[in-house]
C-alpha cells in the first residue's frame, strides 16, 4: 500500500473518513491473518547431503591477473 497511489472516491468528508477507516480495517485484518497462518515451513535440523562448492565449467584458461614473463618481455615491459 505504501507504493501505490490510491485515490479516494468520496467527495464529502464523511465519505473520506469511511474510506480511510475501511482501508485501515482491511490492512489490519490481512496482517492479523498473516500472523495466524504458518507461512514458512519448519527448518530442517539435519541435511541429507553435505554442502559443496559447484565448479564453474569454462573452455577458457584461467587468468591470474598477472602477465606471463613471455608476454611482458615481448611488449618491452620490464618485470621486477
PDB file of N, CA and C in Angstrom:
ATOM      1  N   UNK A   1       0.817  -1.198   0.000  1.00  0.00           N
ATOM      2  CA  UNK A   1       0.000   0.000   0.000  1.00  0.00           C
ATOM      3  C   UNK A   1       0.859   1.260   0.000  1.00  0.00           C
ATOM      4  N   UNK A   2       2.098   1.167   0.481  1.00  0.00           N
ATOM      5  CA  UNK A   2       2.920   2.365   0.583  1.00  0.00           C
ATOM      6  C   UNK A   2       3.316   2.907  -0.783  1.00  0.00           C
ATOM      7  N   UNK A   3       3.540   2.023  -1.761  1.00  0.00           N
ATOM      8  CA  UNK A   3       3.999   2.471  -3.063  1.00  0.00           C
ATOM      9  C   UNK A   3       2.854   2.772  -4.026  1.00  0.00           C
ATOM     10  N   UNK A   4       1.656   2.362  -3.691  1.00  0.00           N
ATOM     11  CA  UNK A   4       0.522   2.601  -4.586  1.00  0.00           C
ATOM     12  C   UNK A   4      -0.027   4.005  -4.358  1.00  0.00           C
ATOM     13  N   UNK A   5      -0.498   4.596  -5.411  1.00  0.00           N
ATOM     14  CA  UNK A   5      -1.087   5.922  -5.303  1.00  0.00           C
ATOM     15  C   UNK A   5      -2.604   5.762  -5.390  1.00  0.00           C
ATOM     16  N   UNK A   6      -3.196   5.580  -4.232  1.00  0.00           N
ATOM     17  CA  UNK A   6      -4.641   5.391  -4.163  1.00  0.00           C
ATOM     18  C   UNK A   6      -5.344   6.742  -4.235  1.00  0.00           C
ATOM     19  N   UNK A   7      -6.482   6.748  -4.870  1.00  0.00           N
ATOM     20  CA  UNK A   7      -7.308   7.949  -4.924  1.00  0.00           C
ATOM     21  C   UNK A   7      -8.606   7.643  -4.189  1.00  0.00           C
ATOM     22  N   UNK A   8      -8.980   8.541  -3.319  1.00  0.00           N
ATOM     23  CA  UNK A   8     -10.244   8.373  -2.611  1.00  0.00           C
ATOM     24  C   UNK A   8     -11.382   8.865  -3.502  1.00  0.00           C
ATOM     25  N   UNK A   9     -12.445   8.085  -3.563  1.00  0.00           N
ATOM     26  CA  UNK A   9     -13.559   8.401  -4.465  1.00  0.00           C
ATOM     27  C   UNK A   9     -14.558   9.381  -3.868  1.00  0.00           C
ATOM     28  N   UNK A  10     -14.610   9.424  -2.554  1.00  0.00           N
ATOM     29  CA  UNK A  10     -15.630  10.256  -1.899  1.00  0.00           C
ATOM     30  C   UNK A  10     -15.323  11.737  -2.050  1.00  0.00           C
ATOM     31  N   UNK A  11     -16.389  12.515  -2.104  1.00  0.00           N
ATOM     32  CA  UNK A  11     -16.240  13.964  -2.222  1.00  0.00           C
ATOM     33  C   UNK A  11     -16.577  14.681  -0.928  1.00  0.00           C
ATOM     34  N   UNK A  12     -17.238  13.972  -0.011  1.00  0.00           N
ATOM     35  CA  UNK A  12     -17.617  14.579   1.266  1.00  0.00           C
ATOM     36  C   UNK A  12     -16.693  14.068   2.371  1.00  0.00           C
ATOM     37  N   UNK A  13     -16.455  14.875   3.403  1.00  0.00           N
ATOM     38  CA  UNK A  13     -15.551  14.473   4.491  1.00  0.00           C
ATOM     39  C   UNK A  13     -15.953  13.161   5.168  1.00  0.00           C
ATOM     40  N   UNK A  14     -17.261  12.954   5.344  1.00  0.00           N
ATOM     41  CA  UNK A  14     -17.717  11.720   5.996  1.00  0.00           C
ATOM     42  C   UNK A  14     -17.380  10.496   5.152  1.00  0.00           C
ATOM     43  N   UNK A  15     -17.502  10.611   3.837  1.00  0.00           N
ATOM     44  CA  UNK A  15     -17.159   9.502   2.946  1.00  0.00           C
ATOM     45  C   UNK A  15     -15.668   9.210   2.938  1.00  0.00           C
ATOM     46  N   UNK A  16     -14.865  10.274   3.015  1.00  0.00           N
ATOM     47  CA  UNK A  16     -13.407  10.102   3.065  1.00  0.00           C
ATOM     48  C   UNK A  16     -13.022   9.367   4.336  1.00  0.00           C
ATOM     49  N   UNK A  17     -13.613   9.766   5.461  1.00  0.00           N
ATOM     50  CA  UNK A  17     -13.348   9.076   6.729  1.00  0.00           C
ATOM     51  C   UNK A  17     -13.729   7.608   6.636  1.00  0.00           C
ATOM     52  N   UNK A  18     -14.856   7.322   6.019  1.00  0.00           N
ATOM     53  CA  UNK A  18     -15.320   5.942   5.894  1.00  0.00           C
ATOM     54  C   UNK A  18     -14.351   5.126   5.005  1.00  0.00           C
ATOM     55  N   UNK A  19     -13.864   5.713   3.926  1.00  0.00           N
ATOM     56  CA  UNK A  19     -12.927   5.003   3.048  1.00  0.00           C
ATOM     57  C   UNK A  19     -11.608   4.731   3.764  1.00  0.00           C
ATOM     58  N   UNK A  20     -11.096   5.723   4.477  1.00  0.00           N
ATOM     59  CA  UNK A  20      -9.844   5.541   5.211  1.00  0.00           C
ATOM     60  C   UNK A  20     -10.014   4.471   6.281  1.00  0.00           C
ATOM     61  N   UNK A  21     -11.126   4.510   6.983  1.00  0.00           N
ATOM     62  CA  UNK A  21     -11.421   3.504   8.003  1.00  0.00           C
ATOM     63  C   UNK A  21     -11.467   2.099   7.371  1.00  0.00           C
ATOM     64  N   UNK A  22     -12.087   1.982   6.219  1.00  0.00           N
ATOM     65  CA  UNK A  22     -12.170   0.690   5.541  1.00  0.00           C
ATOM     66  C   UNK A  22     -10.801   0.183   5.096  1.00  0.00           C
ATOM     67  N   UNK A  23      -9.943   1.073   4.570  1.00  0.00           N
ATOM     68  CA  UNK A  23      -8.597   0.681   4.148  1.00  0.00           C
ATOM     69  C   UNK A  23      -7.786   0.211   5.352  1.00  0.00           C
ATOM     70  N   UNK A  24      -7.848   0.955   6.441  1.00  0.00           N
ATOM     71  CA  UNK A  24      -7.098   0.571   7.640  1.00  0.00           C
ATOM     72  C   UNK A  24      -7.617  -0.736   8.233  1.00  0.00           C
ATOM     73  N   UNK A  25      -8.918  -0.925   8.224  1.00  0.00           N
ATOM     74  CA  UNK A  25      -9.504  -2.155   8.737  1.00  0.00           C
ATOM     75  C   UNK A  25      -9.060  -3.351   7.894  1.00  0.00           C
ATOM     76  N   UNK A  26      -9.115  -3.212   6.581  1.00  0.00           N
ATOM     77  CA  UNK A  26      -8.696  -4.299   5.695  1.00  0.00           C
ATOM     78  C   UNK A  26      -7.210  -4.608   5.885  1.00  0.00           C
ATOM     79  N   UNK A  27      -6.386  -3.595   6.004  1.00  0.00           N
ATOM     80  CA  UNK A  27      -4.951  -3.784   6.205  1.00  0.00           C
ATOM     81  C   UNK A  27      -4.683  -4.572   7.481  1.00  0.00           C
ATOM     82  N   UNK A  28      -5.337  -4.177   8.574  1.00  0.00           N
ATOM     83  CA  UNK A  28      -5.118  -4.848   9.855  1.00  0.00           C
ATOM     84  C   UNK A  28      -5.655  -6.276   9.855  1.00  0.00           C
ATOM     85  N   UNK A  29      -6.761  -6.522   9.163  1.00  0.00           N
ATOM     86  CA  UNK A  29      -7.282  -7.889   9.082  1.00  0.00           C
ATOM     87  C   UNK A  29      -6.337  -8.800   8.303  1.00  0.00           C
ATOM     88  N   UNK A  30      -5.765  -8.277   7.239  1.00  0.00           N
ATOM     89  CA  UNK A  30      -4.802  -9.068   6.464  1.00  0.00           C
ATOM     90  C   UNK A  30      -3.568  -9.353   7.304  1.00  0.00           C
ATOM     91  N   UNK A  31      -3.059  -8.362   8.017  1.00  0.00           N
ATOM     92  CA  UNK A  31      -1.880  -8.558   8.867  1.00  0.00           C
ATOM     93  C   UNK A  31      -2.156  -9.584   9.967  1.00  0.00           C
ATOM     94  N   UNK A  32      -3.347  -9.527  10.566  1.00  0.00           N
ATOM     95  CA  UNK A  32      -3.703 -10.484  11.618  1.00  0.00           C
ATOM     96  C   UNK A  32      -3.748 -11.895  11.044  1.00  0.00           C
ATOM     97  N   UNK A  33      -4.323 -12.056   9.865  1.00  0.00           N
ATOM     98  CA  UNK A  33      -4.398 -13.362   9.218  1.00  0.00           C
ATOM     99  C   UNK A  33      -2.999 -13.893   8.898  1.00  0.00           C
ATOM    100  N   UNK A  34      -2.113 -13.013   8.466  1.00  0.00           N
ATOM    101  CA  UNK A  34      -0.741 -13.424   8.163  1.00  0.00           C
ATOM    102  C   UNK A  34      -0.027 -13.927   9.416  1.00  0.00           C
ATOM    103  N   UNK A  35      -0.297 -13.326  10.546  1.00  0.00           N
ATOM    104  CA  UNK A  35       0.355 -13.741  11.788  1.00  0.00           C
ATOM    105  C   UNK A  35      -0.180 -15.079  12.292  1.00  0.00           C
ATOM    106  N   UNK A  36      -1.430 -15.401  11.999  1.00  0.00           N
ATOM    107  CA  UNK A  36      -2.032 -16.636  12.488  1.00  0.00           C
ATOM    108  C   UNK A  36      -1.658 -17.844  11.642  1.00  0.00           C
ATOM    109  N   UNK A  37      -1.453 -17.653  10.333  1.00  0.00           N
ATOM    110  CA  UNK A  37      -1.138 -18.766   9.453  1.00  0.00           C
ATOM    111  C   UNK A  37       0.359 -19.011   9.391  1.00  0.00           C
ATOM    112  N   UNK A  38       0.776 -20.273   9.423  1.00  0.00           N
ATOM    113  CA  UNK A  38       2.210 -20.549   9.237  1.00  0.00           C
ATOM    114  C   UNK A  38       2.569 -20.376   7.763  1.00  0.00           C
ATOM    115  N   UNK A  39       3.361 -19.389   7.461  1.00  0.00           N
ATOM    116  CA  UNK A  39       3.700 -19.084   6.068  1.00  0.00           C
ATOM    117  C   UNK A  39       4.901 -19.923   5.627  1.00  0.00           C
ATOM    118  N   UNK A  40       5.942 -20.002   6.444  1.00  0.00           N
ATOM    119  CA  UNK A  40       7.149 -20.725   6.070  1.00  0.00           C
ATOM    120  C   UNK A  40       7.142 -22.132   6.667  1.00  0.00           C
ATOM    121  N   UNK A  41       7.697 -23.126   5.964  1.00  0.00           N
ATOM    122  CA  UNK A  41       7.796 -24.469   6.533  1.00  0.00           C
ATOM    123  C   UNK A  41       8.835 -24.501   7.649  1.00  0.00           C
ATOM    124  N   UNK A  42       8.764 -25.540   8.477  1.00  0.00           N
ATOM    125  CA  UNK A  42       9.721 -25.654   9.570  1.00  0.00           C
ATOM    126  C   UNK A  42      11.103 -25.937   9.006  1.00  0.00           C
ATOM    127  N   UNK A  43      12.123 -25.482   9.719  1.00  0.00           N
ATOM    128  CA  UNK A  43      13.503 -25.672   9.272  1.00  0.00           C
ATOM    129  C   UNK A  43      13.936 -27.115   9.498  1.00  0.00           C
ATOM    130  N   UNK A  44      14.784 -27.605   8.594  1.00  0.00           N
ATOM    131  CA  UNK A  44      15.320 -28.954   8.742  1.00  0.00           C
ATOM    132  C   UNK A  44      16.422 -28.932   9.779  1.00  0.00           C
ATOM    133  N   UNK A  45      16.458 -29.944  10.608  1.00  0.00           N
ATOM    134  CA  UNK A  45      17.506 -29.987  11.621  1.00  0.00           C
ATOM    135  C   UNK A  45      18.813 -30.527  11.046  1.00  0.00           C
ATOM    136  N   UNK A  46      18.732 -31.483  10.124  1.00  0.00           N
ATOM    137  CA  UNK A  46      19.941 -32.049   9.533  1.00  0.00           C
ATOM    138  C   UNK A  46      19.809 -32.078   8.018  1.00  0.00           C
ATOM    139  N   UNK A  47      20.939 -31.965   7.335  1.00  0.00           N
ATOM    140  CA  UNK A  47      20.950 -32.036   5.876  1.00  0.00           C
ATOM    141  C   UNK A  47      21.079 -33.486   5.437  1.00  0.00           C
ATOM    142  N   UNK A  48      20.533 -33.765   4.264  1.00  0.00           N
ATOM    143  CA  UNK A  48      20.669 -35.109   3.710  1.00  0.00           C
ATOM    144  C   UNK A  48      22.033 -35.287   3.055  1.00  0.00           C
ATOM    145  N   UNK A  49      22.532 -34.237   2.425  1.00  0.00           N
ATOM    146  CA  UNK A  49      23.805 -34.297   1.719  1.00  0.00           C
ATOM    147  C   UNK A  49      24.702 -33.172   2.223  1.00  0.00           C
ATOM    148  N   UNK A  50      26.017 -33.402   2.182  1.00  0.00           N
ATOM    149  CA  UNK A  50      26.962 -32.367   2.590  1.00  0.00           C
ATOM    150  C   UNK A  50      26.959 -31.245   1.574  1.00  0.00           C
ATOM    151  N   UNK A  51      27.296 -30.056   2.024  1.00  0.00           N
ATOM    152  CA  UNK A  51      27.426 -28.920   1.123  1.00  0.00           C
ATOM    153  C   UNK A  51      28.738 -29.038   0.353  1.00  0.00           C
ATOM    154  N   UNK A  52      28.751 -28.563  -0.871  1.00  0.00           N
ATOM    155  CA  UNK A  52      29.982 -28.500  -1.638  1.00  0.00           C
ATOM    156  C   UNK A  52      29.887 -27.339  -2.626  1.00  0.00           C
ATOM    157  N   UNK A  53      31.063 -26.887  -3.059  1.00  0.00           N
ATOM    158  CA  UNK A  53      31.133 -25.747  -3.958  1.00  0.00           C
ATOM    159  C   UNK A  53      30.998 -26.252  -5.389  1.00  0.00           C
ATOM    160  N   UNK A  54      30.147 -25.629  -6.132  1.00  0.00           N
ATOM    161  CA  UNK A  54      29.950 -26.005  -7.524  1.00  0.00           C
ATOM    162  C   UNK A  54      31.057 -25.363  -8.363  1.00  0.00           C
ATOM    163  N   UNK A  55      31.720 -26.170  -9.190  1.00  0.00           N
ATOM    164  CA  UNK A  55      32.811 -25.682 -10.020  1.00  0.00           C
ATOM    165  C   UNK A  55      32.249 -25.185 -11.342  1.00  0.00           C
ATOM    166  N   UNK A  56      32.641 -23.983 -11.716  1.00  0.00           N
ATOM    167  CA  UNK A  56      32.179 -23.408 -12.976  1.00  0.00           C
ATOM    168  C   UNK A  56      32.980 -24.020 -14.115  1.00  0.00           C
ATOM    169  N   UNK A  57      32.277 -24.533 -15.088  1.00  0.00           N
ATOM    170  CA  UNK A  57      32.937 -25.138 -16.241  1.00  0.00           C
ATOM    171  C   UNK A  57      33.135 -24.064 -17.296  1.00  0.00           C
ATOM    172  N   UNK A  58      34.376 -23.925 -17.773  1.00  0.00           N
ATOM    173  CA  UNK A  58      34.680 -22.933 -18.783  1.00  0.00           C
ATOM    174  C   UNK A  58      35.705 -23.498 -19.745  1.00  0.00           C
ATOM    175  N   UNK A  59      35.605 -23.128 -21.015  1.00  0.00           N
ATOM    176  CA  UNK A  59      36.551 -23.575 -22.018  1.00  0.00           C
ATOM    177  C   UNK A  59      37.794 -22.710 -22.090  1.00  0.00           C
ATOM    178  N   UNK A  60      37.826 -21.624 -21.334  1.00  0.00           N
ATOM    179  CA  UNK A  60      38.954 -20.700 -21.373  1.00  0.00           C
ATOM    180  C   UNK A  60      39.926 -20.982 -20.233  1.00  0.00           C
ATOM    181  N   UNK A  61      41.224 -20.645 -20.455  1.00  0.00           N
ATOM    182  CA  UNK A  61      42.214 -20.788 -19.405  1.00  0.00           C
ATOM    183  C   UNK A  61      41.960 -19.737 -18.326  1.00  0.00           C
ATOM    184  N   UNK A  62      42.361 -20.044 -17.117  1.00  0.00           N
ATOM    185  CA  UNK A  62      42.196 -19.099 -16.023  1.00  0.00           C
ATOM    186  C   UNK A  62      43.201 -17.972 -16.148  1.00  0.00           C
ATOM    187  N   UNK A  63      42.797 -16.767 -15.835  1.00  0.00           N
ATOM    188  CA  UNK A  63      43.656 -15.593 -15.871  1.00  0.00           C
ATOM    189  C   UNK A  63      43.997 -15.217 -14.440  1.00  0.00           C
ATOM    190  N   UNK A  64      45.272 -15.252 -14.101  1.00  0.00           N
ATOM    191  CA  UNK A  64      45.678 -14.933 -12.733  1.00  0.00           C
ATOM    192  C   UNK A  64      45.728 -13.431 -12.490  1.00  0.00           C
ATOM    193  N   UNK A  65      45.616 -12.641 -13.559  1.00  0.00           N
ATOM    194  CA  UNK A  65      45.654 -11.201 -13.398  1.00  0.00           C
ATOM    195  C   UNK A  65      47.027 -10.618 -13.641  1.00  0.00           C
ATOM    196  N   UNK A  66      48.044 -11.464 -13.738  1.00  0.00           N
ATOM    197  CA  UNK A  66      49.409 -11.000 -13.983  1.00  0.00           C
ATOM    198  C   UNK A  66      49.842 -11.502 -15.354  1.00  0.00           C
ATOM    199  N   UNK A  67      50.593 -10.673 -16.085  1.00  0.00           N
ATOM    200  CA  UNK A  67      51.080 -11.146 -17.388  1.00  0.00           C
ATOM    201  C   UNK A  67      52.167 -12.193 -17.217  1.00  0.00           C
ATOM    202  N   UNK A  68      52.223 -13.120 -18.130  1.00  0.00           N
ATOM    203  CA  UNK A  68      53.282 -14.126 -18.089  1.00  0.00           C
ATOM    204  C   UNK A  68      54.594 -13.467 -18.510  1.00  0.00           C
ATOM    205  N   UNK A  69      55.751 -13.998 -18.091  1.00  0.00           N
ATOM    206  CA  UNK A  69      57.048 -13.381 -18.443  1.00  0.00           C
ATOM    207  C   UNK A  69      57.248 -13.256 -19.948  1.00  0.00           C
ATOM    208  N   UNK A  70      56.809 -14.222 -20.725  1.00  0.00           N
ATOM    209  CA  UNK A  70      56.981 -14.147 -22.175  1.00  0.00           C
ATOM    210  C   UNK A  70      56.185 -12.986 -22.750  1.00  0.00           C
ATOM    211  N   UNK A  71      54.990 -12.782 -22.280  1.00  0.00           N
ATOM    212  CA  UNK A  71      54.137 -11.711 -22.779  1.00  0.00           C
ATOM    213  C   UNK A  71      54.724 -10.347 -22.419  1.00  0.00           C
ATOM    214  N   UNK A  72      55.228 -10.186 -21.198  1.00  0.00           N
ATOM    215  CA  UNK A  72      55.769  -8.909 -20.744  1.00  0.00           C
ATOM    216  C   UNK A  72      57.041  -8.558 -21.504  1.00  0.00           C
ATOM    217  N   UNK A  73      57.894  -9.546 -21.746  1.00  0.00           N
ATOM    218  CA  UNK A  73      59.143  -9.276 -22.449  1.00  0.00           C
ATOM    219  C   UNK A  73      58.892  -8.910 -23.904  1.00  0.00           C
ATOM    220  N   UNK A  74      57.917  -9.563 -24.516  1.00  0.00           N
ATOM    221  CA  UNK A  74      57.654  -9.302 -25.911  1.00  0.00           C
ATOM    222  C   UNK A  74      57.063  -7.905 -26.146  1.00  0.00           C
ATOM    223  N   UNK A  75      56.452  -7.338 -25.121  1.00  0.00           N
ATOM    224  CA  UNK A  75      55.880  -5.997 -25.255  1.00  0.00           C
ATOM    225  C   UNK A  75      56.835  -4.915 -24.777  1.00  0.00           C
ATOM    226  N   UNK A  76      58.054  -5.308 -24.363  1.00  0.00           N
ATOM    227  CA  UNK A  76      59.047  -4.319 -23.956  1.00  0.00           C
ATOM    228  C   UNK A  76      58.903  -3.901 -22.504  1.00  0.00           C
ATOM    229  N   UNK A  77      58.138  -4.611 -21.715  1.00  0.00           N
ATOM    230  CA  UNK A  77      57.990  -4.275 -20.297  1.00  0.00           C
ATOM    231  C   UNK A  77      59.076  -4.963 -19.502  1.00  0.00           C
ATOM    232  N   UNK A  78      59.449  -4.367 -18.396  1.00  0.00           N
ATOM    233  CA  UNK A  78      60.464  -4.946 -17.533  1.00  0.00           C
ATOM    234  C   UNK A  78      59.772  -5.465 -16.295  1.00  0.00           C
ATOM    235  N   UNK A  79      60.015  -6.728 -15.971  1.00  0.00           N
ATOM    236  CA  UNK A  79      59.461  -7.332 -14.758  1.00  0.00           C
ATOM    237  C   UNK A  79      60.397  -7.117 -13.592  1.00  0.00           C
ATOM    238  N   UNK A  80      59.829  -6.831 -12.446  1.00  0.00           N
ATOM    239  CA  UNK A  80      60.634  -6.611 -11.237  1.00  0.00           C
ATOM    240  C   UNK A  80      60.502  -7.810 -10.336  1.00  0.00           C
TER     241      UNK A  80
END
